[in-house]
Amino acid sequence: MKKLLKIILIIVLVCVLAVVGLFGVLTIFEYRPAETETAETSEGATETVSTGDELTVMTWNIGYGALGDNADFFMDGGDHVMTADTERVNENMENILSTINDVSPDIAFLQEVDKNSMRSRSVNEVELIRDGFMSTDTSFAYNFKVLFIPYPVPPMGWVNSGIMTTSKYTIDEATRYRLPCPFSWPVSVANLKRCIVVNRIALEDSDSELVVVNLHLEAYDDGEGKAAQTKLLLEILNQEADKGNYVIAGGDFNQAFPNTDSSKYPMYDGMWQPGVLNAEDFEGWQLVTDDTYPTCRSLDQPYADADKENFQYYVIDGFIVSDNLEVESVETQNLDFVSSDHNPIVMKVSFGN
């Protein structure tokens, strides 16, 4: 009996030391971005833009190429961590690139773009997008960079992911701004480090700039994180508008838009619930989305064979547009969530006076 207890104690001690050691390593190598950093960029754009042009702008959370209609995910109440094999990731990415090519946006805001992650089978999606759209400038910044995530079972493993912007026009400067993180140690070492990326584009006929901002705000917090991040986002947008710049921010807000019909996609008990953007905070700005179709679906179950009439849907993606730009149209593309758990939104804007 003493020998058995000794063995059990040794096993427990080894497990405790392993956990302590793992979190020690993760803490040492934790991703700690500065308040502002220069984003990673690539060059290829050949077009210029002036205030007489109409712009086509797209935003799409591509679900790291692994959240197609076959997928559910444990954080949303599903069962799975690994949601696609290499073949399915490549198939999803091929469909995503084809859709972007068909839209041919002047500016595209993309979220959840993996560079080398276990969950997307180490497919370099940043490289695929750059190779697929060589006549664009791009910017990329990490918002999820973890050596190894040890939970759940099986674990998520290593993650290297971020937000990416493509532009047919030259990006003169791309800056990553750190957003407040609502999580403290030890949760923070294996969590996202949210950011926005401010991209500056010169206008041929104006001293003002076209400033396009890519974003992906907090999802799984108690609401305070989203509020703090939205506040800082708005401060940065106001600074740009005060300079007389033309400003478009787009992405996944993880918050419902106040100018949509809340009864159209009802919230079901037990489902993840987004925050709600406060329209009063955005005086002088245009909050733009389209609720003709949902922009996002729940990952509590696969979509392909589900009851689509009673599925949990959301409208949490869209744009913030300065009032010196005129929104000509906005349309959510209904792709039936085949390749991502989000639908893309396409907006056309023109320059005001």
Protein backbone atom coordinates (compact mmCIF):
# COMPACT_ATOMS: atom_id res chain seq x y z
CA MET A 1 0.00 0.00 0.00
CA LYS A 2 2.83 2.40 0.86
CA LYS A 3 4.51 1.61 -2.44
CA LEU A 4 1.28 2.30 -4.36
CA LEU A 5 0.79 5.62 -2.55
CA LYS A 6 4.37 6.56 -3.32
CA ILE A 7 3.84 5.83 -7.03
CA ILE A 8 0.63 7.87 -7.05
CA LEU A 9 2.35 10.78 -5.32
CA ILE A 10 5.21 10.66 -7.81
CA ILE A 11 2.76 10.67 -10.71
CA VAL A 12 0.85 13.60 -9.23
CA LEU A 13 4.08 15.50 -8.58
CA VAL A 14 5.30 14.89 -12.13
CA CYS A 15 1.97 16.14 -13.51
CA VAL A 16 2.08 19.25 -11.32
CA LEU A 17 5.66 20.00 -12.32
CA ALA A 18 4.77 19.48 -15.98
CA VAL A 19 1.89 21.95 -15.76
CA VAL A 20 3.98 24.48 -13.85
CA GLY A 21 6.81 24.04 -16.32
CA LEU A 22 4.49 24.45 -19.30
CA PHE A 23 2.96 27.66 -17.99
CA GLY A 24 6.44 28.87 -17.09
CA VAL A 25 7.58 28.37 -20.67
CA LEU A 26 4.41 29.95 -22.05
CA THR A 27 4.89 32.93 -19.75
CA ILE A 28 8.50 33.40 -20.84
CA PHE A 29 7.55 33.23 -24.52
CA GLU A 30 4.23 35.06 -24.22
CA TYR A 31 3.45 37.37 -27.14
CA ARG A 32 3.77 40.90 -25.77
CA PRO A 33 3.25 43.42 -28.56
CA ALA A 34 4.07 47.07 -28.01
CA GLU A 35 1.36 49.70 -27.86
CA THR A 36 2.07 50.55 -31.49
CA GLU A 37 4.11 48.59 -34.01
CA THR A 38 4.71 48.67 -37.73
CA ALA A 39 2.64 45.95 -39.36
CA GLU A 40 4.14 43.44 -41.75
CA THR A 41 3.56 44.56 -45.36
CA SER A 42 4.06 43.40 -48.93
CA GLU A 43 4.05 45.46 -52.12
CA GLY A 44 2.31 44.83 -55.43
CA ALA A 45 -0.30 47.56 -55.91
CA THR A 46 -0.26 49.38 -59.24
CA GLU A 47 -3.37 51.61 -58.98
CA THR A 48 -3.94 55.04 -57.52
CA VAL A 49 -7.08 56.51 -55.97
CA SER A 50 -8.63 59.97 -56.08
CA THR A 51 -11.73 61.60 -54.59
CA GLY A 52 -13.65 61.04 -57.83
CA ASP A 53 -13.47 57.27 -57.49
CA GLU A 54 -15.98 54.80 -56.11
CA LEU A 55 -14.49 52.17 -53.80
CA THR A 56 -15.50 48.56 -53.33
CA VAL A 57 -14.66 47.46 -49.81
CA MET A 58 -15.03 43.94 -48.43
CA THR A 59 -14.81 42.49 -44.94
CA TRP A 60 -14.69 38.78 -44.18
CA ASN A 61 -13.71 36.66 -41.21
CA ILE A 62 -12.45 33.61 -43.07
CA GLY A 63 -12.51 31.30 -40.04
CA TYR A 64 -8.81 30.37 -40.47
CA GLY A 65 -9.80 28.20 -43.42
CA ALA A 66 -11.08 25.48 -41.10
CA LEU A 67 -14.57 26.55 -40.01
CA GLY A 68 -16.62 25.47 -43.01
CA ASP A 69 -20.10 24.00 -42.97
CA ASN A 70 -18.78 20.71 -41.58
CA ALA A 71 -17.38 22.36 -38.44
CA ASP A 72 -18.46 22.82 -34.86
CA PHE A 73 -16.18 24.26 -32.18
CA PHE A 74 -15.85 23.62 -28.46
CA MET A 75 -15.86 27.32 -27.47
CA ASP A 76 -19.35 27.69 -28.97
CA GLY A 77 -20.72 24.53 -27.37
CA GLY A 78 -19.59 22.13 -30.06
CA ASP A 79 -17.47 19.02 -29.66
CA HIS A 80 -14.41 19.61 -31.83
CA VAL A 81 -11.10 21.42 -31.64
CA MET A 82 -9.60 20.30 -34.93
CA THR A 83 -12.32 21.01 -37.48
CA ALA A 84 -10.67 20.31 -40.82
CA ASP A 85 -7.94 18.14 -42.31
CA THR A 86 -5.34 19.59 -44.69
CA GLU A 87 -7.45 18.79 -47.74
CA ARG A 88 -10.47 20.60 -46.34
CA VAL A 89 -8.40 23.64 -45.30
CA ASN A 90 -7.01 23.94 -48.81
CA GLU A 91 -10.48 23.46 -50.30
CA ASN A 92 -11.90 26.18 -48.07
CA MET A 93 -9.07 28.55 -48.92
CA GLU A 94 -9.53 27.91 -52.63
CA ASN A 95 -13.21 28.84 -52.31
CA ILE A 96 -12.36 31.92 -50.24
CA LEU A 97 -9.80 33.16 -52.76
CA SER A 98 -12.25 32.52 -55.61
CA THR A 99 -14.94 34.58 -53.88
CA ILE A 100 -12.58 37.48 -53.22
CA ASN A 101 -11.44 37.35 -56.84
CA ASP A 102 -15.06 37.45 -58.07
CA VAL A 103 -15.81 40.52 -55.91
CA SER A 104 -12.49 42.13 -56.84
CA PRO A 105 -12.51 44.59 -53.92
CA ASP A 106 -10.32 47.66 -53.92
CA ILE A 107 -9.85 47.11 -50.18
CA ALA A 108 -10.40 43.83 -48.32
CA PHE A 109 -10.38 43.41 -44.55
CA LEU A 110 -9.76 39.77 -43.60
CA GLN A 111 -9.79 38.31 -40.10
CA GLU A 112 -8.64 34.97 -38.66
CA VAL A 113 -5.91 34.48 -41.25
CA ASP A 114 -3.54 31.76 -40.07
CA LYS A 115 0.14 31.82 -40.90
CA ASN A 116 1.22 28.60 -39.21
CA SER A 117 -1.28 27.04 -36.82
CA MET A 118 -2.02 23.49 -35.77
CA ARG A 119 -5.78 24.13 -36.12
CA SER A 120 -5.37 24.90 -39.85
CA ARG A 121 -2.79 22.17 -40.43
CA SER A 122 0.07 24.67 -40.72
CA VAL A 123 -1.21 26.00 -44.06
CA ASN A 124 0.26 29.46 -44.67
CA GLU A 125 -2.89 31.38 -45.53
CA VAL A 126 -1.10 34.74 -45.60
CA GLU A 127 1.12 33.44 -48.37
CA LEU A 128 -1.84 31.98 -50.27
CA ILE A 129 -3.63 35.33 -50.21
CA ARG A 130 -0.53 37.27 -51.24
CA ASP A 131 0.15 34.84 -54.09
CA GLY A 132 -3.50 34.96 -55.14
CA PHE A 133 -3.61 38.75 -55.31
CA MET A 134 -0.15 39.81 -56.40
CA SER A 135 -1.36 43.18 -57.72
CA THR A 136 -2.19 44.39 -54.24
CA ASP A 137 -0.36 45.79 -51.26
CA THR A 138 -1.04 43.87 -48.07
CA SER A 139 -0.62 44.38 -44.36
CA PHE A 140 -0.69 41.71 -41.69
CA ALA A 141 -0.52 41.80 -37.90
CA TYR A 142 -0.74 39.01 -35.37
CA ASN A 143 -3.54 39.03 -32.85
CA PHE A 144 -3.14 35.39 -31.76
CA LYS A 145 0.38 34.07 -31.32
CA VAL A 146 0.89 31.25 -28.81
CA LEU A 147 3.68 28.70 -28.59
CA PHE A 148 1.25 25.98 -27.48
CA ILE A 149 -2.30 26.03 -26.12
CA PRO A 150 -2.60 23.02 -23.79
CA TYR A 151 -6.41 22.83 -23.66
CA PRO A 152 -8.88 21.23 -24.24
CA VAL A 153 -8.35 17.53 -25.05
CA PRO A 154 -7.02 17.18 -27.73
CA PRO A 155 -5.25 20.54 -27.31
CA MET A 156 -5.36 23.42 -29.78
CA GLY A 157 -1.59 23.39 -30.02
CA TRP A 158 0.40 26.20 -31.62
CA VAL A 159 -1.36 29.24 -33.09
CA ASN A 160 -0.04 32.00 -35.33
CA SER A 161 -2.90 34.05 -36.69
CA GLY A 162 -3.90 37.63 -37.40
CA ILE A 163 -5.76 40.20 -39.46
CA MET A 164 -4.84 40.99 -43.04
CA THR A 165 -5.69 43.86 -45.37
CA THR A 166 -5.34 43.85 -49.15
CA SER A 167 -5.37 47.03 -51.20
CA LYS A 168 -5.20 47.73 -54.93
CA TYR A 169 -3.68 51.06 -53.90
CA THR A 170 -0.28 51.63 -52.32
CA ILE A 171 -0.33 51.37 -48.54
CA ASP A 172 2.05 54.11 -47.43
CA GLU A 173 2.02 53.09 -43.78
CA ALA A 174 0.45 50.29 -41.74
CA THR A 175 0.44 50.49 -37.94
CA ARG A 176 -0.66 47.89 -35.43
CA TYR A 177 -2.42 49.37 -32.37
CA ARG A 178 -2.68 47.17 -29.29
CA LEU A 179 -6.17 46.87 -27.84
CA PRO A 180 -6.91 46.31 -24.13
CA CYS A 181 -6.76 42.64 -23.12
CA PRO A 182 -9.49 41.62 -20.63
CA PHE A 183 -7.69 38.49 -19.48
CA SER A 184 -5.11 38.23 -16.72
CA TRP A 185 -2.41 35.62 -16.09
CA PRO A 186 -2.46 32.67 -16.55
CA VAL A 187 -5.35 32.82 -19.06
CA SER A 188 -3.66 35.64 -20.96
CA VAL A 189 -0.61 33.56 -21.92
CA ALA A 190 -2.74 31.35 -24.19
CA ASN A 191 -5.24 33.93 -25.41
CA LEU A 192 -5.65 36.46 -28.17
CA LYS A 193 -3.89 39.81 -28.06
CA ARG A 194 -6.39 41.88 -30.02
CA CYS A 195 -5.40 44.77 -32.23
CA ILE A 196 -6.45 47.05 -35.04
CA VAL A 197 -4.33 47.88 -38.07
CA VAL A 198 -4.47 51.43 -39.44
CA ASN A 199 -3.50 51.57 -43.12
CA ARG A 200 -2.76 54.92 -44.80
CA ILE A 201 -3.34 55.46 -48.52
CA ALA A 202 -2.51 58.69 -50.37
CA LEU A 203 -5.14 60.42 -52.50
CA GLU A 204 -4.00 61.81 -55.85
CA ASP A 205 -6.02 65.01 -55.63
CA SER A 206 -6.15 65.74 -51.90
CA ASP A 207 -3.88 66.42 -48.96
CA SER A 208 -6.18 64.23 -46.88
CA GLU A 209 -5.59 60.50 -46.67
CA LEU A 210 -7.77 57.47 -47.11
CA VAL A 211 -7.40 55.64 -43.79
CA VAL A 212 -8.65 52.05 -43.73
CA VAL A 213 -8.76 50.18 -40.42
CA ASN A 214 -8.98 46.42 -40.00
CA LEU A 215 -10.36 45.07 -36.73
CA HIS A 216 -11.45 41.95 -34.85
CA LEU A 217 -12.79 42.69 -31.39
CA GLU A 218 -13.13 40.44 -28.34
CA ALA A 219 -15.52 37.48 -28.39
CA TYR A 220 -15.39 35.39 -25.21
CA ASP A 221 -15.23 38.01 -22.47
CA ASP A 222 -17.79 39.37 -20.00
CA GLY A 223 -18.40 42.47 -22.10
CA GLU A 224 -15.90 44.82 -20.48
CA GLY A 225 -13.19 43.85 -22.96
CA LYS A 226 -15.33 44.61 -26.00
CA ALA A 227 -16.38 47.94 -24.45
CA ALA A 228 -12.77 48.98 -23.73
CA GLN A 229 -11.60 47.92 -27.17
CA THR A 230 -14.46 49.73 -28.89
CA LYS A 231 -13.69 52.89 -26.91
CA LEU A 232 -10.03 52.90 -28.00
CA LEU A 233 -11.03 52.12 -31.60
CA LEU A 234 -13.37 55.10 -31.61
CA GLU A 235 -10.70 57.38 -30.14
CA ILE A 236 -8.32 56.45 -32.95
CA LEU A 237 -11.02 56.88 -35.60
CA ASN A 238 -11.95 60.31 -34.23
CA GLN A 239 -8.32 61.40 -34.34
CA GLU A 240 -8.19 60.53 -38.04
CA ALA A 241 -11.52 62.19 -38.81
CA ASP A 242 -10.39 65.37 -36.98
CA LYS A 243 -7.47 65.55 -39.43
CA GLY A 244 -9.95 65.64 -42.32
CA ASN A 245 -9.11 62.12 -43.48
CA TYR A 246 -11.55 59.75 -45.14
CA VAL A 247 -11.94 56.79 -42.79
CA ILE A 248 -13.31 53.28 -43.22
CA ALA A 249 -13.06 50.68 -40.46
CA GLY A 250 -14.23 47.16 -41.13
CA GLY A 251 -14.18 43.75 -39.58
CA ASP A 252 -15.67 41.37 -37.05
CA PHE A 253 -17.01 43.44 -34.15
CA ASN A 254 -18.41 40.48 -32.19
CA GLN A 255 -21.20 42.96 -31.42
CA ALA A 256 -24.64 43.38 -32.91
CA PHE A 257 -25.31 46.50 -34.98
CA PRO A 258 -28.04 48.77 -33.55
CA ASN A 259 -29.52 49.58 -36.98
CA THR A 260 -30.59 46.00 -37.68
CA ASP A 261 -33.81 44.10 -36.98
CA SER A 262 -33.05 42.23 -33.74
CA SER A 263 -36.10 40.00 -34.21
CA LYS A 264 -34.86 38.69 -37.53
CA TYR A 265 -32.28 36.39 -35.98
CA PRO A 266 -33.56 35.63 -32.44
CA MET A 267 -31.23 34.60 -29.65
CA TYR A 268 -31.75 31.08 -28.35
CA ASP A 269 -31.10 30.00 -24.77
CA GLY A 270 -27.63 28.69 -24.08
CA MET A 271 -26.06 30.21 -27.19
CA TRP A 272 -23.12 32.61 -27.27
CA GLN A 273 -24.44 36.18 -27.18
CA PRO A 274 -22.66 39.14 -28.74
CA GLY A 275 -22.49 42.60 -27.27
CA VAL A 276 -24.36 45.50 -28.86
CA LEU A 277 -22.74 48.58 -30.37
CA ASN A 278 -24.06 51.78 -28.81
CA ALA A 279 -25.21 54.06 -31.61
CA GLU A 280 -24.89 57.15 -29.37
CA ASP A 281 -21.15 56.57 -29.09
CA PHE A 282 -20.78 56.88 -32.86
CA GLU A 283 -22.27 60.33 -33.43
CA GLY A 284 -20.88 61.66 -36.70
CA TRP A 285 -20.14 58.17 -37.97
CA GLN A 286 -22.07 55.73 -40.12
CA LEU A 287 -22.51 52.20 -38.76
CA VAL A 288 -22.95 50.04 -41.84
CA THR A 289 -23.99 46.42 -42.23
CA ASP A 290 -26.66 44.39 -44.02
CA ASP A 291 -29.02 42.00 -42.24
CA THR A 292 -30.62 40.56 -45.39
CA TYR A 293 -28.58 37.49 -44.54
CA PRO A 294 -26.72 36.69 -41.32
CA THR A 295 -23.04 37.59 -41.29
CA CYS A 296 -22.14 34.79 -38.87
CA ARG A 297 -23.46 31.45 -37.64
CA SER A 298 -23.03 29.60 -34.38
CA LEU A 299 -20.48 26.80 -34.15
CA ASP A 300 -22.40 24.76 -31.61
CA GLN A 301 -23.10 22.21 -34.37
CA PRO A 302 -22.14 21.57 -38.01
CA TYR A 303 -24.19 23.54 -40.50
CA ALA A 304 -24.34 21.28 -43.54
CA ASP A 305 -27.12 18.99 -42.29
CA ALA A 306 -28.62 21.21 -39.57
CA ASP A 307 -32.12 22.64 -39.22
CA LYS A 308 -31.35 25.96 -40.88
CA GLU A 309 -34.71 27.51 -39.98
CA ASN A 310 -33.91 27.36 -36.27
CA PHE A 311 -30.17 27.85 -36.35
CA GLN A 312 -28.41 30.52 -34.29
CA TYR A 313 -27.35 33.39 -36.55
CA TYR A 314 -25.74 36.79 -35.91
CA VAL A 315 -25.11 40.12 -37.63
CA ILE A 316 -21.78 41.12 -36.09
CA ASP A 317 -19.65 42.10 -39.10
CA GLY A 318 -19.66 45.43 -40.88
CA PHE A 319 -18.13 48.87 -41.21
CA ILE A 320 -17.74 52.24 -39.54
CA VAL A 321 -17.58 55.01 -42.15
CA SER A 322 -16.74 58.69 -41.71
CA ASP A 323 -19.43 61.17 -42.70
CA ASN A 324 -17.34 62.65 -45.53
CA LEU A 325 -17.88 59.38 -47.42
CA GLU A 326 -21.16 58.35 -49.00
CA VAL A 327 -22.29 54.73 -48.71
CA GLU A 328 -23.73 53.75 -52.08
CA SER A 329 -24.61 50.15 -51.23
CA VAL A 330 -23.89 47.33 -48.81
CA GLU A 331 -24.61 43.66 -49.32
CA THR A 332 -24.01 40.51 -47.31
CA GLN A 333 -23.19 37.66 -49.65
CA ASN A 334 -25.06 34.49 -48.77
CA LEU A 335 -22.47 31.75 -49.22
CA ASP A 336 -24.32 29.29 -46.97
CA PHE A 337 -21.26 29.18 -44.69
CA VAL A 338 -19.62 26.54 -46.87
CA SER A 339 -16.02 27.70 -46.33
CA SER A 340 -16.26 29.90 -43.23
CA ASP A 341 -18.60 30.49 -40.31
CA HIS A 342 -18.95 34.09 -41.55
CA ASN A 343 -20.40 35.56 -44.71
CA PRO A 344 -18.53 38.38 -46.47
CA ILE A 345 -19.99 41.88 -46.69
CA VAL A 346 -19.33 44.11 -49.70
CA MET A 347 -19.80 47.89 -49.52
CA LYS A 348 -19.50 50.55 -52.20
CA VAL A 349 -18.60 54.08 -51.11
CA SER A 350 -17.87 57.36 -52.87
CA PHE A 351 -16.13 60.48 -51.63
CA GLY A 352 -18.31 63.33 -50.34
CA ASN A 353 -17.55 67.01 -50.62
